[in-house]
Amino acid sequence: MESVLQKSCKIRSLVSDLQRNYICDTARKSAECLKSDLGDLDKLYTELTDTLANGEAEDFPPKNAKRHFEKVKKEEKEN
């Protein structure tokens, strides 16, 4: 999960660099697209950490995390 945060930080840095150093429409469109993707990434990361926290509250051992996430996905599909 830490790698997701690192990648998010790198993308934010790229967006900042695009906005500062490149004025063309292509750079602007690319920065907007990256910002949108960052929003999606942040949302998914938040959902993941919330699910992980809920699992930890239920005292599942880390080796059962995959099973817990599959259970949560299945419950979401049913609702």
PDB file of N, CA and C in Angstrom:
ATOM      1  N   MET A   1       0.815  -1.192   0.000  1.00  0.00           N
ATOM      2  CA  MET A   1       0.000   0.000   0.000  1.00  0.00           C
ATOM      3  C   MET A   1       0.859   1.257   0.000  1.00  0.00           C
ATOM      4  N   GLU A   2       2.046   1.146   0.550  1.00  0.00           N
ATOM      5  CA  GLU A   2       2.942   2.308   0.549  1.00  0.00           C
ATOM      6  C   GLU A   2       3.351   2.668  -0.871  1.00  0.00           C
ATOM      7  N   SER A   3       3.474   1.668  -1.741  1.00  0.00           N
ATOM      8  CA  SER A   3       3.868   1.962  -3.118  1.00  0.00           C
ATOM      9  C   SER A   3       2.789   2.786  -3.824  1.00  0.00           C
ATOM     10  N   VAL A   4       1.537   2.590  -3.452  1.00  0.00           N
ATOM     11  CA  VAL A   4       0.448   3.391  -4.033  1.00  0.00           C
ATOM     12  C   VAL A   4       0.646   4.855  -3.649  1.00  0.00           C
ATOM     13  N   LEU A   5       0.996   5.096  -2.407  1.00  0.00           N
ATOM     14  CA  LEU A   5       1.226   6.476  -1.969  1.00  0.00           C
ATOM     15  C   LEU A   5       2.424   7.094  -2.678  1.00  0.00           C
ATOM     16  N   GLN A   6       3.474   6.296  -2.876  1.00  0.00           N
ATOM     17  CA  GLN A   6       4.655   6.797  -3.572  1.00  0.00           C
ATOM     18  C   GLN A   6       4.329   7.151  -5.018  1.00  0.00           C
ATOM     19  N   LYS A   7       3.566   6.284  -5.676  1.00  0.00           N
ATOM     20  CA  LYS A   7       3.192   6.554  -7.062  1.00  0.00           C
ATOM     21  C   LYS A   7       2.283   7.776  -7.152  1.00  0.00           C
ATOM     22  N   SER A   8       1.381   7.903  -6.207  1.00  0.00           N
ATOM     23  CA  SER A   8       0.501   9.060  -6.173  1.00  0.00           C
ATOM     24  C   SER A   8       1.319  10.343  -6.034  1.00  0.00           C
ATOM     25  N   CYS A   9       2.301  10.307  -5.177  1.00  0.00           N
ATOM     26  CA  CYS A   9       3.169  11.475  -4.966  1.00  0.00           C
ATOM     27  C   CYS A   9       3.935  11.808  -6.250  1.00  0.00           C
ATOM     28  N   LYS A  10       4.434  10.801  -6.940  1.00  0.00           N
ATOM     29  CA  LYS A  10       5.167  11.031  -8.187  1.00  0.00           C
ATOM     30  C   LYS A  10       4.262  11.631  -9.252  1.00  0.00           C
ATOM     31  N   ILE A  11       3.031  11.144  -9.327  1.00  0.00           N
ATOM     32  CA  ILE A  11       2.088  11.678 -10.318  1.00  0.00           C
ATOM     33  C   ILE A  11       1.753  13.128  -9.997  1.00  0.00           C
ATOM     34  N   ARG A  12       1.563  13.433  -8.708  1.00  0.00           N
ATOM     35  CA  ARG A  12       1.297  14.822  -8.314  1.00  0.00           C
ATOM     36  C   ARG A  12       2.465  15.734  -8.702  1.00  0.00           C
ATOM     37  N   SER A  13       3.659  15.223  -8.524  1.00  0.00           N
ATOM     38  CA  SER A  13       4.851  15.982  -8.904  1.00  0.00           C
ATOM     39  C   SER A  13       4.890  16.204 -10.414  1.00  0.00           C
ATOM     40  N   LEU A  14       4.529  15.184 -11.170  1.00  0.00           N
ATOM     41  CA  LEU A  14       4.487  15.307 -12.629  1.00  0.00           C
ATOM     42  C   LEU A  14       3.457  16.346 -13.063  1.00  0.00           C
ATOM     43  N   VAL A  15       2.287  16.321 -12.437  1.00  0.00           N
ATOM     44  CA  VAL A  15       1.246  17.305 -12.756  1.00  0.00           C
ATOM     45  C   VAL A  15       1.757  18.718 -12.483  1.00  0.00           C
ATOM     46  N   SER A  16       2.391  18.881 -11.353  1.00  0.00           N
ATOM     47  CA  SER A  16       2.938  20.192 -10.994  1.00  0.00           C
ATOM     48  C   SER A  16       3.988  20.634 -12.018  1.00  0.00           C
ATOM     49  N   ASP A  17       4.847  19.710 -12.414  1.00  0.00           N
ATOM     50  CA  ASP A  17       5.882  20.007 -13.403  1.00  0.00           C
ATOM     51  C   ASP A  17       5.257  20.379 -14.746  1.00  0.00           C
ATOM     52  N   LEU A  18       4.239  19.648 -15.157  1.00  0.00           N
ATOM     53  CA  LEU A  18       3.559  19.956 -16.419  1.00  0.00           C
ATOM     54  C   LEU A  18       2.959  21.350 -16.394  1.00  0.00           C
ATOM     55  N   GLN A  19       2.350  21.693 -15.284  1.00  0.00           N
ATOM     56  CA  GLN A  19       1.696  22.996 -15.180  1.00  0.00           C
ATOM     57  C   GLN A  19       2.692  24.153 -15.127  1.00  0.00           C
ATOM     58  N   ARG A  20       3.835  23.909 -14.515  1.00  0.00           N
ATOM     59  CA  ARG A  20       4.842  24.961 -14.389  1.00  0.00           C
ATOM     60  C   ARG A  20       5.662  25.161 -15.648  1.00  0.00           C
ATOM     61  N   ASN A  21       6.061  24.065 -16.272  1.00  0.00           N
ATOM     62  CA  ASN A  21       7.072  24.143 -17.322  1.00  0.00           C
ATOM     63  C   ASN A  21       6.557  24.018 -18.751  1.00  0.00           C
ATOM     64  N   TYR A  22       5.313  23.630 -18.918  1.00  0.00           N
ATOM     65  CA  TYR A  22       4.795  23.434 -20.267  1.00  0.00           C
ATOM     66  C   TYR A  22       3.464  24.163 -20.404  1.00  0.00           C
ATOM     67  N   ILE A  23       3.351  24.958 -21.456  1.00  0.00           N
ATOM     68  CA  ILE A  23       2.182  25.809 -21.612  1.00  0.00           C
ATOM     69  C   ILE A  23       1.228  25.282 -22.690  1.00  0.00           C
ATOM     70  N   CYS A  24       1.658  24.361 -23.506  1.00  0.00           N
ATOM     71  CA  CYS A  24       0.842  23.912 -24.640  1.00  0.00           C
ATOM     72  C   CYS A  24      -0.432  23.193 -24.187  1.00  0.00           C
ATOM     73  N   ASP A  25      -1.378  23.088 -25.111  1.00  0.00           N
ATOM     74  CA  ASP A  25      -2.663  22.444 -24.816  1.00  0.00           C
ATOM     75  C   ASP A  25      -2.494  20.970 -24.456  1.00  0.00           C
ATOM     76  N   THR A  26      -1.541  20.316 -25.103  1.00  0.00           N
ATOM     77  CA  THR A  26      -1.324  18.896 -24.825  1.00  0.00           C
ATOM     78  C   THR A  26      -0.914  18.683 -23.369  1.00  0.00           C
ATOM     79  N   ALA A  27      -0.029  19.533 -22.882  1.00  0.00           N
ATOM     80  CA  ALA A  27       0.412  19.432 -21.489  1.00  0.00           C
ATOM     81  C   ALA A  27      -0.742  19.721 -20.538  1.00  0.00           C
ATOM     82  N   ARG A  28      -1.550  20.714 -20.874  1.00  0.00           N
ATOM     83  CA  ARG A  28      -2.699  21.064 -20.030  1.00  0.00           C
ATOM     84  C   ARG A  28      -3.697  19.909 -19.970  1.00  0.00           C
ATOM     85  N   LYS A  29      -3.987  19.315 -21.129  1.00  0.00           N
ATOM     86  CA  LYS A  29      -4.911  18.183 -21.174  1.00  0.00           C
ATOM     87  C   LYS A  29      -4.345  16.985 -20.417  1.00  0.00           C
ATOM     88  N   SER A  30      -3.054  16.762 -20.564  1.00  0.00           N
ATOM     89  CA  SER A  30      -2.417  15.649 -19.848  1.00  0.00           C
ATOM     90  C   SER A  30      -2.489  15.859 -18.343  1.00  0.00           C
ATOM     91  N   ALA A  31      -2.255  17.079 -17.906  1.00  0.00           N
ATOM     92  CA  ALA A  31      -2.319  17.387 -16.470  1.00  0.00           C
ATOM     93  C   ALA A  31      -3.732  17.180 -15.944  1.00  0.00           C
ATOM     94  N   GLU A  32      -4.741  17.592 -16.718  1.00  0.00           N
ATOM     95  CA  GLU A  32      -6.131  17.396 -16.297  1.00  0.00           C
ATOM     96  C   GLU A  32      -6.470  15.916 -16.201  1.00  0.00           C
ATOM     97  N   CYS A  33      -6.003  15.155 -17.162  1.00  0.00           N
ATOM     98  CA  CYS A  33      -6.247  13.704 -17.159  1.00  0.00           C
ATOM     99  C   CYS A  33      -5.573  13.053 -15.948  1.00  0.00           C
ATOM    100  N   LEU A  34      -4.348  13.452 -15.682  1.00  0.00           N
ATOM    101  CA  LEU A  34      -3.632  12.902 -14.526  1.00  0.00           C
ATOM    102  C   LEU A  34      -4.321  13.274 -13.214  1.00  0.00           C
ATOM    103  N   LYS A  35      -4.830  14.498 -13.134  1.00  0.00           N
ATOM    104  CA  LYS A  35      -5.549  14.916 -11.925  1.00  0.00           C
ATOM    105  C   LYS A  35      -6.798  14.062 -11.718  1.00  0.00           C
ATOM    106  N   SER A  36      -7.484  13.792 -12.803  1.00  0.00           N
ATOM    107  CA  SER A  36      -8.677  12.944 -12.721  1.00  0.00           C
ATOM    108  C   SER A  36      -8.308  11.541 -12.248  1.00  0.00           C
ATOM    109  N   ASP A  37      -7.233  11.000 -12.818  1.00  0.00           N
ATOM    110  CA  ASP A  37      -6.775   9.674 -12.417  1.00  0.00           C
ATOM    111  C   ASP A  37      -6.334   9.652 -10.958  1.00  0.00           C
ATOM    112  N   LEU A  38      -5.732  10.745 -10.515  1.00  0.00           N
ATOM    113  CA  LEU A  38      -5.327  10.846  -9.108  1.00  0.00           C
ATOM    114  C   LEU A  38      -6.535  10.817  -8.188  1.00  0.00           C
ATOM    115  N   GLY A  39      -7.592  11.479  -8.593  1.00  0.00           N
ATOM    116  CA  GLY A  39      -8.819  11.447  -7.798  1.00  0.00           C
ATOM    117  C   GLY A  39      -9.346  10.039  -7.658  1.00  0.00           C
ATOM    118  N   ASP A  40      -9.334   9.293  -8.774  1.00  0.00           N
ATOM    119  CA  ASP A  40      -9.775   7.891  -8.739  1.00  0.00           C
ATOM    120  C   ASP A  40      -8.859   7.058  -7.858  1.00  0.00           C
ATOM    121  N   LEU A  41      -7.559   7.279  -7.996  1.00  0.00           N
ATOM    122  CA  LEU A  41      -6.588   6.534  -7.196  1.00  0.00           C
ATOM    123  C   LEU A  41      -6.772   6.811  -5.714  1.00  0.00           C
ATOM    124  N   ASP A  42      -6.970   8.074  -5.365  1.00  0.00           N
ATOM    125  CA  ASP A  42      -7.184   8.436  -3.961  1.00  0.00           C
ATOM    126  C   ASP A  42      -8.459   7.798  -3.408  1.00  0.00           C
ATOM    127  N   LYS A  43      -9.512   7.796  -4.224  1.00  0.00           N
ATOM    128  CA  LYS A  43     -10.772   7.203  -3.794  1.00  0.00           C
ATOM    129  C   LYS A  43     -10.603   5.704  -3.536  1.00  0.00           C
ATOM    130  N   LEU A  44      -9.943   5.010  -4.459  1.00  0.00           N
ATOM    131  CA  LEU A  44      -9.741   3.571  -4.300  1.00  0.00           C
ATOM    132  C   LEU A  44      -8.826   3.268  -3.121  1.00  0.00           C
ATOM    133  N   TYR A  45      -7.809   4.096  -2.927  1.00  0.00           N
ATOM    134  CA  TYR A  45      -6.905   3.903  -1.796  1.00  0.00           C
ATOM    135  C   TYR A  45      -7.664   4.069  -0.477  1.00  0.00           C
ATOM    136  N   THR A  46      -8.545   5.070  -0.422  1.00  0.00           N
ATOM    137  CA  THR A  46      -9.340   5.281   0.779  1.00  0.00           C
ATOM    138  C   THR A  46     -10.251   4.095   1.050  1.00  0.00           C
ATOM    139  N   GLU A  47     -10.888   3.583  -0.008  1.00  0.00           N
ATOM    140  CA  GLU A  47     -11.752   2.411   0.152  1.00  0.00           C
ATOM    141  C   GLU A  47     -10.948   1.209   0.654  1.00  0.00           C
ATOM    142  N   LEU A  48      -9.752   1.041   0.105  1.00  0.00           N
ATOM    143  CA  LEU A  48      -8.903  -0.072   0.511  1.00  0.00           C
ATOM    144  C   LEU A  48      -8.489   0.036   1.970  1.00  0.00           C
ATOM    145  N   THR A  49      -8.064   1.223   2.381  1.00  0.00           N
ATOM    146  CA  THR A  49      -7.635   1.382   3.773  1.00  0.00           C
ATOM    147  C   THR A  49      -8.811   1.243   4.736  1.00  0.00           C
ATOM    148  N   ASP A  50      -9.997   1.726   4.321  1.00  0.00           N
ATOM    149  CA  ASP A  50     -11.180   1.559   5.170  1.00  0.00           C
ATOM    150  C   ASP A  50     -11.536   0.084   5.330  1.00  0.00           C
ATOM    151  N   THR A  51     -11.479  -0.655   4.236  1.00  0.00           N
ATOM    152  CA  THR A  51     -11.783  -2.087   4.292  1.00  0.00           C
ATOM    153  C   THR A  51     -10.757  -2.817   5.143  1.00  0.00           C
ATOM    154  N   LEU A  52      -9.500  -2.451   4.986  1.00  0.00           N
ATOM    155  CA  LEU A  52      -8.450  -3.065   5.792  1.00  0.00           C
ATOM    156  C   LEU A  52      -8.646  -2.758   7.269  1.00  0.00           C
ATOM    157  N   ALA A  53      -9.011  -1.520   7.588  1.00  0.00           N
ATOM    158  CA  ALA A  53      -9.257  -1.147   8.981  1.00  0.00           C
ATOM    159  C   ALA A  53     -10.442  -1.918   9.560  1.00  0.00           C
ATOM    160  N   ASN A  54     -11.499  -2.077   8.752  1.00  0.00           N
ATOM    161  CA  ASN A  54     -12.651  -2.858   9.211  1.00  0.00           C
ATOM    162  C   ASN A  54     -12.254  -4.301   9.473  1.00  0.00           C
ATOM    163  N   GLY A  55     -11.424  -4.844   8.607  1.00  0.00           N
ATOM    164  CA  GLY A  55     -10.955  -6.215   8.802  1.00  0.00           C
ATOM    165  C   GLY A  55     -10.116  -6.349  10.056  1.00  0.00           C
ATOM    166  N   GLU A  56      -9.262  -5.376  10.297  1.00  0.00           N
ATOM    167  CA  GLU A  56      -8.438  -5.412  11.504  1.00  0.00           C
ATOM    168  C   GLU A  56      -9.298  -5.289  12.748  1.00  0.00           C
ATOM    169  N   ALA A  57     -10.374  -4.524  12.647  1.00  0.00           N
ATOM    170  CA  ALA A  57     -11.281  -4.392  13.785  1.00  0.00           C
ATOM    171  C   ALA A  57     -11.967  -5.723  14.082  1.00  0.00           C
ATOM    172  N   GLU A  58     -12.127  -6.532  13.041  1.00  0.00           N
ATOM    173  CA  GLU A  58     -12.728  -7.849  13.215  1.00  0.00           C
ATOM    174  C   GLU A  58     -11.679  -8.904  13.580  1.00  0.00           C
ATOM    175  N   ASP A  59     -10.449  -8.464  13.817  1.00  0.00           N
ATOM    176  CA  ASP A  59      -9.334  -9.319  14.259  1.00  0.00           C
ATOM    177  C   ASP A  59      -8.965 -10.416  13.267  1.00  0.00           C
ATOM    178  N   PHE A  60      -8.986 -10.091  11.973  1.00  0.00           N
ATOM    179  CA  PHE A  60      -8.506 -11.115  11.048  1.00  0.00           C
ATOM    180  C   PHE A  60      -6.989 -11.036  10.973  1.00  0.00           C
ATOM    181  N   PRO A  61      -6.339 -12.186  10.881  1.00  0.00           N
ATOM    182  CA  PRO A  61      -4.879 -12.157  10.730  1.00  0.00           C
ATOM    183  C   PRO A  61      -4.510 -11.713   9.314  1.00  0.00           C
ATOM    184  N   PRO A  62      -3.369 -11.083   9.135  1.00  0.00           N
ATOM    185  CA  PRO A  62      -2.982 -10.568   7.816  1.00  0.00           C
ATOM    186  C   PRO A  62      -3.002 -11.636   6.716  1.00  0.00           C
ATOM    187  N   LYS A  63      -2.733 -12.880   7.045  1.00  0.00           N
ATOM    188  CA  LYS A  63      -2.723 -13.908   6.001  1.00  0.00           C
ATOM    189  C   LYS A  63      -4.132 -14.154   5.451  1.00  0.00           C
ATOM    190  N   ASN A  64      -5.157 -13.721   6.161  1.00  0.00           N
ATOM    191  CA  ASN A  64      -6.531 -13.883   5.689  1.00  0.00           C
ATOM    192  C   ASN A  64      -7.073 -12.622   5.029  1.00  0.00           C
ATOM    193  N   ALA A  65      -6.225 -11.643   4.800  1.00  0.00           N
ATOM    194  CA  ALA A  65      -6.677 -10.378   4.223  1.00  0.00           C
ATOM    195  C   ALA A  65      -7.305 -10.592   2.850  1.00  0.00           C
ATOM    196  N   LYS A  66      -6.698 -11.422   2.020  1.00  0.00           N
ATOM    197  CA  LYS A  66      -7.237 -11.660   0.681  1.00  0.00           C
ATOM    198  C   LYS A  66      -8.658 -12.213   0.777  1.00  0.00           C
ATOM    199  N   ARG A  67      -8.868 -13.161   1.656  1.00  0.00           N
ATOM    200  CA  ARG A  67     -10.187 -13.754   1.835  1.00  0.00           C
ATOM    201  C   ARG A  67     -11.192 -12.691   2.298  1.00  0.00           C
ATOM    202  N   HIS A  68     -10.753 -11.815   3.190  1.00  0.00           N
ATOM    203  CA  HIS A  68     -11.627 -10.760   3.689  1.00  0.00           C
ATOM    204  C   HIS A  68     -12.045  -9.815   2.561  1.00  0.00           C
ATOM    205  N   PHE A  69     -11.081  -9.407   1.715  1.00  0.00           N
ATOM    206  CA  PHE A  69     -11.397  -8.505   0.618  1.00  0.00           C
ATOM    207  C   PHE A  69     -12.344  -9.160  -0.376  1.00  0.00           C
ATOM    208  N   GLU A  70     -12.175 -10.452  -0.633  1.00  0.00           N
ATOM    209  CA  GLU A  70     -13.076 -11.169  -1.532  1.00  0.00           C
ATOM    210  C   GLU A  70     -14.488 -11.207  -0.944  1.00  0.00           C
ATOM    211  N   LYS A  71     -14.590 -11.400   0.360  1.00  0.00           N
ATOM    212  CA  LYS A  71     -15.889 -11.425   1.032  1.00  0.00           C
ATOM    213  C   LYS A  71     -16.580 -10.067   0.911  1.00  0.00           C
ATOM    214  N   VAL A  72     -15.828  -9.004   1.117  1.00  0.00           N
ATOM    215  CA  VAL A  72     -16.387  -7.652   1.031  1.00  0.00           C
ATOM    216  C   VAL A  72     -16.868  -7.377  -0.391  1.00  0.00           C
ATOM    217  N   LYS A  73     -16.066  -7.764  -1.398  1.00  0.00           N
ATOM    218  CA  LYS A  73     -16.464  -7.560  -2.790  1.00  0.00           C
ATOM    219  C   LYS A  73     -17.752  -8.304  -3.100  1.00  0.00           C
ATOM    220  N   LYS A  74     -17.856  -9.545  -2.622  1.00  0.00           N
ATOM    221  CA  LYS A  74     -19.031 -10.336  -2.880  1.00  0.00           C
ATOM    222  C   LYS A  74     -20.267  -9.681  -2.235  1.00  0.00           C
ATOM    223  N   GLU A  75     -20.130  -9.181  -1.019  1.00  0.00           N
ATOM    224  CA  GLU A  75     -21.236  -8.525  -0.331  1.00  0.00           C
ATOM    225  C   GLU A  75     -21.661  -7.261  -1.076  1.00  0.00           C
ATOM    226  N   GLU A  76     -20.692  -6.519  -1.624  1.00  0.00           N
ATOM    227  CA  GLU A  76     -21.012  -5.302  -2.368  1.00  0.00           C
ATOM    228  C   GLU A  76     -21.784  -5.623  -3.633  1.00  0.00           C
ATOM    229  N   LYS A  77     -21.416  -6.701  -4.312  1.00  0.00           N
ATOM    230  CA  LYS A  77     -22.100  -7.101  -5.533  1.00  0.00           C
ATOM    231  C   LYS A  77     -23.547  -7.521  -5.240  1.00  0.00           C
ATOM    232  N   GLU A  78     -23.756  -8.157  -4.100  1.00  0.00           N
ATOM    233  CA  GLU A  78     -25.093  -8.607  -3.728  1.00  0.00           C
ATOM    234  C   GLU A  78     -26.000  -7.439  -3.378  1.00  0.00           C
ATOM    235  N   ASN A  79     -25.413  -6.344  -2.895  1.00  0.00           N
ATOM    236  CA  ASN A  79     -26.209  -5.168  -2.512  1.00  0.00           C
ATOM    237  C   ASN A  79     -26.331  -4.300  -3.692  1.00  0.00           C
TER     238      ASN A  79
END
